[in-house]
């Protein structure tokens, strides 16, 4: 066997090992991203399960705020029925907006804010919202890591061959961005 053939075989084997390693790395990153989103799903489901209890408690105090409750209920239904990651992100944004409207409604009822059941539910939802923020950050971190691997050299070579592509981040909608960038109004 000639030295040239041996060198060619060694280079071919090294390239094959690199390609296999790169492919496996991309699969692991994709699975990590999907796992991160499933953590968001768990928190969204828990939040959706608590919302009917919160709405029922608030309804007892605010029967005439029907539109707000309908928006929360419709948004919850959309969140529960969403099937793709993109649909779930959109439904979650819609539900977050509806819950913000519910919070405004609650502010109009001081006796409700002192109710033990309401306070407990509000605390649970606040806890879930904090957990959602954490898992969204983790999802975006996993997505960024995946996107970096898919778009940078030499991983981009393997990504193109096997159909890996850039995935969307979990971002705030333009409508919500205007609301969250505005400083809150504090009244005493």
C-alpha atoms as a PDB file:
ATOM      1  CA  UNK A   1       0.000   0.000   0.000  1.00  0.00           C
ATOM      2  CA  UNK A   2       1.396   3.370  -0.951  1.00  0.00           C
ATOM      3  CA  UNK A   3       1.781   6.264   1.463  1.00  0.00           C
ATOM      4  CA  UNK A   4      -0.521   8.384  -0.725  1.00  0.00           C
ATOM      5  CA  UNK A   5      -3.325   5.819  -0.416  1.00  0.00           C
ATOM      6  CA  UNK A   6      -2.834   5.534   3.351  1.00  0.00           C
ATOM      7  CA  UNK A   7      -2.951   9.318   3.744  1.00  0.00           C
ATOM      8  CA  UNK A   8      -6.096   9.471   1.576  1.00  0.00           C
ATOM      9  CA  UNK A   9      -7.766   6.767   3.687  1.00  0.00           C
ATOM     10  CA  UNK A  10      -6.798   8.486   6.956  1.00  0.00           C
ATOM     11  CA  UNK A  11      -8.140  11.829   5.688  1.00  0.00           C
ATOM     12  CA  UNK A  12     -11.356  10.149   4.486  1.00  0.00           C
ATOM     13  CA  UNK A  13     -11.817   8.445   7.872  1.00  0.00           C
ATOM     14  CA  UNK A  14     -11.158  11.730   9.715  1.00  0.00           C
ATOM     15  CA  UNK A  15     -13.680  13.547   7.511  1.00  0.00           C
ATOM     16  CA  UNK A  16     -16.227  10.778   8.096  1.00  0.00           C
ATOM     17  CA  UNK A  17     -15.724  10.992  11.880  1.00  0.00           C
ATOM     18  CA  UNK A  18     -16.012  14.792  11.743  1.00  0.00           C
ATOM     19  CA  UNK A  19     -19.232  14.553   9.684  1.00  0.00           C
ATOM     20  CA  UNK A  20     -20.744  11.996  12.055  1.00  0.00           C
ATOM     21  CA  UNK A  21     -19.761  14.085  15.078  1.00  0.00           C
ATOM     22  CA  UNK A  22     -21.167  17.262  13.524  1.00  0.00           C
ATOM     23  CA  UNK A  23     -24.423  15.556  12.607  1.00  0.00           C
ATOM     24  CA  UNK A  24     -24.797  14.077  16.103  1.00  0.00           C
ATOM     25  CA  UNK A  25     -24.083  17.461  17.635  1.00  0.00           C
ATOM     26  CA  UNK A  26     -26.789  19.116  15.511  1.00  0.00           C
ATOM     27  CA  UNK A  27     -29.284  16.406  16.484  1.00  0.00           C
ATOM     28  CA  UNK A  28     -28.458  16.892  20.176  1.00  0.00           C
ATOM     29  CA  UNK A  29     -28.864  20.664  19.881  1.00  0.00           C
ATOM     30  CA  UNK A  30     -32.183  20.278  18.050  1.00  0.00           C
ATOM     31  CA  UNK A  31     -33.423  17.854  20.716  1.00  0.00           C
ATOM     32  CA  UNK A  32     -32.246  20.225  23.456  1.00  0.00           C
ATOM     33  CA  UNK A  33     -34.286  23.017  21.833  1.00  0.00           C
ATOM     34  CA  UNK A  34     -37.360  20.787  21.570  1.00  0.00           C
ATOM     35  CA  UNK A  35     -36.941  19.758  25.215  1.00  0.00           C
ATOM     36  CA  UNK A  36     -36.671  23.419  26.195  1.00  0.00           C
ATOM     37  CA  UNK A  37     -39.967  24.110  24.435  1.00  0.00           C
ATOM     38  CA  UNK A  38     -41.623  21.149  26.119  1.00  0.00           C
ATOM     39  CA  UNK A  39     -40.684  22.805  29.445  1.00  0.00           C
ATOM     40  CA  UNK A  40     -42.543  25.904  28.246  1.00  0.00           C
ATOM     41  CA  UNK A  41     -45.465  23.638  27.324  1.00  0.00           C
ATOM     42  CA  UNK A  42     -45.591  22.230  30.860  1.00  0.00           C
ATOM     43  CA  UNK A  43     -45.747  25.724  32.365  1.00  0.00           C
ATOM     44  CA  UNK A  44     -48.318  26.900  29.804  1.00  0.00           C
ATOM     45  CA  UNK A  45     -50.507  23.895  30.606  1.00  0.00           C
ATOM     46  CA  UNK A  46     -50.244  24.559  34.321  1.00  0.00           C
ATOM     47  CA  UNK A  47     -51.120  28.213  33.764  1.00  0.00           C
ATOM     48  CA  UNK A  48     -54.066  27.235  31.554  1.00  0.00           C
ATOM     49  CA  UNK A  49     -55.323  24.891  34.278  1.00  0.00           C
ATOM     50  CA  UNK A  50     -55.221  27.660  36.898  1.00  0.00           C
ATOM     51  CA  UNK A  51     -56.888  30.330  34.784  1.00  0.00           C
ATOM     52  CA  UNK A  52     -60.457  28.963  35.051  1.00  0.00           C
ATOM     53  CA  UNK A  53     -60.105  28.996  38.849  1.00  0.00           C
ATOM     54  CA  UNK A  54     -58.829  32.564  38.819  1.00  0.00           C
ATOM     55  CA  UNK A  55     -61.546  33.701  36.405  1.00  0.00           C
ATOM     56  CA  UNK A  56     -64.260  32.033  38.522  1.00  0.00           C
ATOM     57  CA  UNK A  57     -62.959  33.776  41.644  1.00  0.00           C
ATOM     58  CA  UNK A  58     -62.815  37.157  39.930  1.00  0.00           C
ATOM     59  CA  UNK A  59     -66.246  36.648  38.311  1.00  0.00           C
ATOM     60  CA  UNK A  60     -67.773  36.391  41.753  1.00  0.00           C
ATOM     61  CA  UNK A  61     -66.755  39.997  42.331  1.00  0.00           C
ATOM     62  CA  UNK A  62     -67.016  41.453  38.864  1.00  0.00           C
ATOM     63  CA  UNK A  63     -70.012  40.094  37.001  1.00  0.00           C
ATOM     64  CA  UNK A  64     -70.181  43.016  34.580  1.00  0.00           C
ATOM     65  CA  UNK A  65     -66.612  42.543  33.236  1.00  0.00           C
ATOM     66  CA  UNK A  66     -67.813  39.863  30.828  1.00  0.00           C
ATOM     67  CA  UNK A  67     -65.665  40.889  27.840  1.00  0.00           C
ATOM     68  CA  UNK A  68     -62.431  40.562  29.800  1.00  0.00           C
ATOM     69  CA  UNK A  69     -63.377  37.074  30.957  1.00  0.00           C
ATOM     70  CA  UNK A  70     -64.330  36.055  27.423  1.00  0.00           C
ATOM     71  CA  UNK A  71     -60.952  37.222  26.120  1.00  0.00           C
ATOM     72  CA  UNK A  72     -59.106  35.260  28.814  1.00  0.00           C
ATOM     73  CA  UNK A  73     -61.210  32.167  28.154  1.00  0.00           C
ATOM     74  CA  UNK A  74     -60.730  32.406  24.370  1.00  0.00           C
ATOM     75  CA  UNK A  75     -56.983  32.951  24.769  1.00  0.00           C
ATOM     76  CA  UNK A  76     -56.723  29.995  27.152  1.00  0.00           C
ATOM     77  CA  UNK A  77     -58.596  27.812  24.680  1.00  0.00           C
ATOM     78  CA  UNK A  78     -56.271  28.877  21.855  1.00  0.00           C
ATOM     79  CA  UNK A  79     -53.235  28.103  24.045  1.00  0.00           C
ATOM     80  CA  UNK A  80     -54.540  24.653  24.954  1.00  0.00           C
ATOM     81  CA  UNK A  81     -55.428  23.792  21.337  1.00  0.00           C
ATOM     82  CA  UNK A  82     -52.228  25.080  19.669  1.00  0.00           C
ATOM     83  CA  UNK A  83     -50.183  22.287  18.134  1.00  0.00           C
ATOM     84  CA  UNK A  84     -47.009  23.726  16.585  1.00  0.00           C
ATOM     85  CA  UNK A  85     -44.301  25.690  18.367  1.00  0.00           C
ATOM     86  CA  UNK A  86     -45.209  28.815  16.388  1.00  0.00           C
ATOM     87  CA  UNK A  87     -48.947  28.446  17.208  1.00  0.00           C
ATOM     88  CA  UNK A  88     -48.119  27.941  20.882  1.00  0.00           C
ATOM     89  CA  UNK A  89     -45.907  31.026  20.957  1.00  0.00           C
ATOM     90  CA  UNK A  90     -48.673  33.134  19.355  1.00  0.00           C
ATOM     91  CA  UNK A  91     -51.349  31.693  21.675  1.00  0.00           C
ATOM     92  CA  UNK A  92     -49.151  32.312  24.709  1.00  0.00           C
ATOM     93  CA  UNK A  93     -48.684  35.935  23.681  1.00  0.00           C
ATOM     94  CA  UNK A  94     -52.466  36.302  23.258  1.00  0.00           C
ATOM     95  CA  UNK A  95     -53.041  34.741  26.699  1.00  0.00           C
ATOM     96  CA  UNK A  96     -50.452  37.005  28.316  1.00  0.00           C
ATOM     97  CA  UNK A  97     -52.241  40.041  26.875  1.00  0.00           C
ATOM     98  CA  UNK A  98     -55.622  38.774  28.089  1.00  0.00           C
ATOM     99  CA  UNK A  99     -54.222  38.176  31.575  1.00  0.00           C
ATOM    100  CA  UNK A 100     -52.912  41.737  31.599  1.00  0.00           C
ATOM    101  CA  UNK A 101     -56.486  42.894  30.937  1.00  0.00           C
ATOM    102  CA  UNK A 102     -57.699  40.703  33.789  1.00  0.00           C
ATOM    103  CA  UNK A 103     -55.155  42.318  36.117  1.00  0.00           C
ATOM    104  CA  UNK A 104     -56.545  45.746  35.221  1.00  0.00           C
ATOM    105  CA  UNK A 105     -60.047  44.481  36.031  1.00  0.00           C
ATOM    106  CA  UNK A 106     -58.872  43.171  39.384  1.00  0.00           C
ATOM    107  CA  UNK A 107     -57.411  46.571  40.282  1.00  0.00           C
ATOM    108  CA  UNK A 108     -60.957  47.987  40.219  1.00  0.00           C
ATOM    109  CA  UNK A 109     -62.065  45.639  43.052  1.00  0.00           C
ATOM    110  CA  UNK A 110     -60.152  46.290  46.294  1.00  0.00           C
ATOM    111  CA  UNK A 111     -62.193  43.690  48.220  1.00  0.00           C
ATOM    112  CA  UNK A 112     -61.187  41.045  45.669  1.00  0.00           C
ATOM    113  CA  UNK A 113     -57.507  41.772  46.175  1.00  0.00           C
ATOM    114  CA  UNK A 114     -57.931  40.858  49.844  1.00  0.00           C
ATOM    115  CA  UNK A 115     -59.771  37.563  49.205  1.00  0.00           C
ATOM    116  CA  UNK A 116     -57.756  34.557  50.435  1.00  0.00           C
ATOM    117  CA  UNK A 117     -58.588  32.313  47.451  1.00  0.00           C
ATOM    118  CA  UNK A 118     -57.786  35.060  44.989  1.00  0.00           C
ATOM    119  CA  UNK A 119     -54.486  35.841  46.685  1.00  0.00           C
ATOM    120  CA  UNK A 120     -53.491  32.170  46.592  1.00  0.00           C
ATOM    121  CA  UNK A 121     -54.394  31.851  42.888  1.00  0.00           C
ATOM    122  CA  UNK A 122     -52.678  35.118  42.090  1.00  0.00           C
ATOM    123  CA  UNK A 123     -49.539  33.867  43.863  1.00  0.00           C
ATOM    124  CA  UNK A 124     -49.620  30.598  41.925  1.00  0.00           C
ATOM    125  CA  UNK A 125     -50.046  32.395  38.607  1.00  0.00           C
ATOM    126  CA  UNK A 126     -47.257  34.790  39.511  1.00  0.00           C
ATOM    127  CA  UNK A 127     -45.033  31.795  40.295  1.00  0.00           C
ATOM    128  CA  UNK A 128     -45.924  30.170  36.964  1.00  0.00           C
ATOM    129  CA  UNK A 129     -45.264  33.421  35.098  1.00  0.00           C
ATOM    130  CA  UNK A 130     -41.793  33.561  36.684  1.00  0.00           C
ATOM    131  CA  UNK A 131     -41.157  29.937  35.720  1.00  0.00           C
ATOM    132  CA  UNK A 132     -42.396  30.677  32.194  1.00  0.00           C
ATOM    133  CA  UNK A 133     -39.944  33.560  31.914  1.00  0.00           C
ATOM    134  CA  UNK A 134     -37.124  31.243  33.004  1.00  0.00           C
ATOM    135  CA  UNK A 135     -38.014  28.435  30.578  1.00  0.00           C
ATOM    136  CA  UNK A 136     -38.478  30.941  27.737  1.00  0.00           C
ATOM    137  CA  UNK A 137     -34.954  32.217  28.402  1.00  0.00           C
ATOM    138  CA  UNK A 138     -33.695  28.626  28.386  1.00  0.00           C
ATOM    139  CA  UNK A 139     -35.565  27.946  25.133  1.00  0.00           C
ATOM    140  CA  UNK A 140     -34.043  31.018  23.503  1.00  0.00           C
ATOM    141  CA  UNK A 141     -30.598  29.989  24.746  1.00  0.00           C
ATOM    142  CA  UNK A 142     -31.049  26.494  23.284  1.00  0.00           C
ATOM    143  CA  UNK A 143     -32.354  28.018  20.033  1.00  0.00           C
ATOM    144  CA  UNK A 144     -29.401  30.414  19.839  1.00  0.00           C
ATOM    145  CA  UNK A 145     -26.955  27.559  20.407  1.00  0.00           C
ATOM    146  CA  UNK A 146     -28.681  25.469  17.722  1.00  0.00           C
ATOM    147  CA  UNK A 147     -28.799  28.373  15.253  1.00  0.00           C
ATOM    148  CA  UNK A 148     -25.118  29.119  15.840  1.00  0.00           C
ATOM    149  CA  UNK A 149     -24.227  25.503  15.083  1.00  0.00           C
ATOM    150  CA  UNK A 150     -26.409  25.475  11.960  1.00  0.00           C
ATOM    151  CA  UNK A 151     -25.113  28.776  10.582  1.00  0.00           C
ATOM    152  CA  UNK A 152     -21.397  28.710  11.391  1.00  0.00           C
ATOM    153  CA  UNK A 153     -18.620  27.000   9.514  1.00  0.00           C
ATOM    154  CA  UNK A 154     -17.971  24.076   9.343  1.00  0.00           C
ATOM    155  CA  UNK A 155     -21.318  22.949  10.836  1.00  0.00           C
ATOM    156  CA  UNK A 156     -23.216  24.752   8.091  1.00  0.00           C
ATOM    157  CA  UNK A 157     -21.905  22.158   5.623  1.00  0.00           C
ATOM    158  CA  UNK A 158     -23.489  19.255   7.500  1.00  0.00           C
ATOM    159  CA  UNK A 159     -26.611  21.302   8.335  1.00  0.00           C
ATOM    160  CA  UNK A 160     -27.335  21.967   4.669  1.00  0.00           C
ATOM    161  CA  UNK A 161     -26.790  18.348   3.688  1.00  0.00           C
ATOM    162  CA  UNK A 162     -29.189  17.005   6.336  1.00  0.00           C
ATOM    163  CA  UNK A 163     -31.809  19.777   6.181  1.00  0.00           C
ATOM    164  CA  UNK A 164     -31.123  21.548   9.473  1.00  0.00           C
ATOM    165  CA  UNK A 165     -32.139  25.215   9.332  1.00  0.00           C
ATOM    166  CA  UNK A 166     -32.395  28.299  11.526  1.00  0.00           C
ATOM    167  CA  UNK A 167     -35.250  28.100  14.041  1.00  0.00           C
ATOM    168  CA  UNK A 168     -37.244  31.057  15.422  1.00  0.00           C
ATOM    169  CA  UNK A 169     -36.631  32.469  18.874  1.00  0.00           C
ATOM    170  CA  UNK A 170     -39.405  33.024  21.410  1.00  0.00           C
ATOM    171  CA  UNK A 171     -39.975  36.744  20.968  1.00  0.00           C
ATOM    172  CA  UNK A 172     -42.430  39.352  22.122  1.00  0.00           C
ATOM    173  CA  UNK A 173     -44.957  40.393  19.483  1.00  0.00           C
ATOM    174  CA  UNK A 174     -44.863  43.953  18.168  1.00  0.00           C
ATOM    175  CA  UNK A 175     -48.211  44.712  19.865  1.00  0.00           C
ATOM    176  CA  UNK A 176     -46.904  43.519  23.239  1.00  0.00           C
ATOM    177  CA  UNK A 177     -43.554  45.284  22.739  1.00  0.00           C
ATOM    178  CA  UNK A 178     -45.289  48.688  22.815  1.00  0.00           C
ATOM    179  CA  UNK A 179     -46.969  47.769  26.113  1.00  0.00           C
ATOM    180  CA  UNK A 180     -43.899  46.411  27.864  1.00  0.00           C
ATOM    181  CA  UNK A 181     -41.552  49.207  26.811  1.00  0.00           C
ATOM    182  CA  UNK A 182     -43.880  51.818  28.295  1.00  0.00           C
ATOM    183  CA  UNK A 183     -43.055  52.688  31.900  1.00  0.00           C
ATOM    184  CA  UNK A 184     -45.771  51.497  34.301  1.00  0.00           C
ATOM    185  CA  UNK A 185     -48.059  54.113  35.779  1.00  0.00           C
ATOM    186  CA  UNK A 186     -48.096  53.936  39.575  1.00  0.00           C
ATOM    187  CA  UNK A 187     -51.024  55.511  41.420  1.00  0.00           C
ATOM    188  CA  UNK A 188     -51.604  55.810  45.138  1.00  0.00           C
END
